[in-house]
Amino acid sequence: MPAENYYQGIKHIVTISTDESLICEECKTSLTKNDLSGIVNHYIEQHKYKILHIGQQTDKTGDGEIFHLTVAVIGK
């Protein structure tokens, strides 16, 4: 039996970062900054999203200071 394509049927993705608060695209609930697990769990439990990727992102401040963020990409 062939393996099921985990990404099959994904039509919409959301990228979540530890440095920003956001409003849920589905129900407009305000989601708290720095609560990556809470935000991801909200989308999974309330709206049936799947985790597509969790990783690290490197960025720079306006004055050139480097910092790291955790990002999650989810979709359904």
Protein backbone atom coordinates (compact mmCIF):
# COMPACT_ATOMS: atom_id res chain seq x y z
CA MET A 1 0.00 0.00 0.00
CA PRO A 2 1.48 3.40 -0.95
CA ALA A 3 2.22 5.91 1.80
CA GLU A 4 -0.30 8.73 2.19
CA ASN A 5 0.97 12.18 1.23
CA TYR A 6 0.82 14.16 4.49
CA TYR A 7 0.62 17.44 2.58
CA GLN A 8 -2.12 16.38 0.17
CA GLY A 9 -5.12 18.67 0.30
CA ILE A 10 -3.35 21.55 2.08
CA LYS A 11 -4.87 24.69 0.60
CA HIS A 12 -4.04 27.35 3.21
CA ILE A 13 -1.00 27.90 5.43
CA VAL A 14 -0.31 30.12 8.42
CA THR A 15 3.19 31.03 9.61
CA ILE A 16 3.50 31.70 13.33
CA SER A 17 6.54 33.33 14.96
CA THR A 18 7.53 33.73 18.60
CA ASP A 19 8.02 37.47 18.16
CA GLU A 20 4.50 38.50 17.21
CA SER A 21 0.98 38.34 18.53
CA LEU A 22 -1.70 37.53 16.04
CA ILE A 23 -5.40 37.21 15.48
CA CYS A 24 -6.64 33.74 14.50
CA GLU A 25 -7.55 33.83 10.82
CA GLU A 26 -10.44 31.43 11.42
CA CYS A 27 -12.28 32.79 14.49
CA LYS A 28 -10.58 36.16 15.13
CA THR A 29 -9.45 35.15 18.65
CA SER A 30 -6.48 37.20 19.90
CA LEU A 31 -3.48 34.89 20.42
CA THR A 32 -0.65 35.78 22.80
CA LYS A 33 2.87 36.66 21.72
CA ASN A 34 5.59 34.23 22.88
CA ASP A 35 3.07 31.38 23.33
CA LEU A 36 3.95 29.38 20.23
CA SER A 37 2.58 26.12 21.62
CA GLY A 38 -0.68 27.77 22.67
CA ILE A 39 -1.15 29.34 19.26
CA VAL A 40 -0.34 26.11 17.39
CA ASN A 41 -2.59 24.10 19.71
CA HIS A 42 -5.43 26.57 19.12
CA TYR A 43 -5.23 26.06 15.35
CA ILE A 44 -4.91 22.26 15.68
CA GLU A 45 -7.64 21.73 18.27
CA GLN A 46 -10.14 24.37 17.16
CA HIS A 47 -9.63 24.41 13.40
CA LYS A 48 -8.03 21.05 12.45
CA TYR A 49 -4.75 22.44 11.08
CA LYS A 50 -1.67 20.21 10.70
CA ILE A 51 1.91 21.09 11.63
CA LEU A 52 3.90 21.34 8.41
CA HIS A 53 7.20 22.63 9.78
CA ILE A 54 8.75 23.92 13.00
CA GLY A 55 12.16 25.54 12.85
CA GLN A 56 14.35 28.52 13.56
CA GLN A 57 14.56 31.85 11.77
CA THR A 58 17.38 34.35 12.07
CA ASP A 59 16.64 38.06 11.70
CA LYS A 60 18.25 41.45 12.33
CA THR A 61 17.07 44.48 14.24
CA GLY A 62 17.21 47.93 12.65
CA ASP A 63 20.65 48.50 14.19
CA GLY A 64 22.04 45.21 12.87
CA GLU A 65 21.75 43.08 16.00
CA ILE A 66 21.07 39.43 15.10
CA PHE A 67 18.36 37.47 16.92
CA HIS A 68 16.69 34.07 16.56
CA LEU A 69 13.02 33.17 16.47
CA THR A 70 11.11 29.91 16.46
CA VAL A 71 8.58 29.61 13.68
CA ALA A 72 5.82 27.12 12.96
CA VAL A 73 4.13 26.63 9.61
CA ILE A 74 0.69 25.04 9.84
CA GLY A 75 -1.91 24.34 7.23
CA LYS A 76 -5.20 22.74 6.27
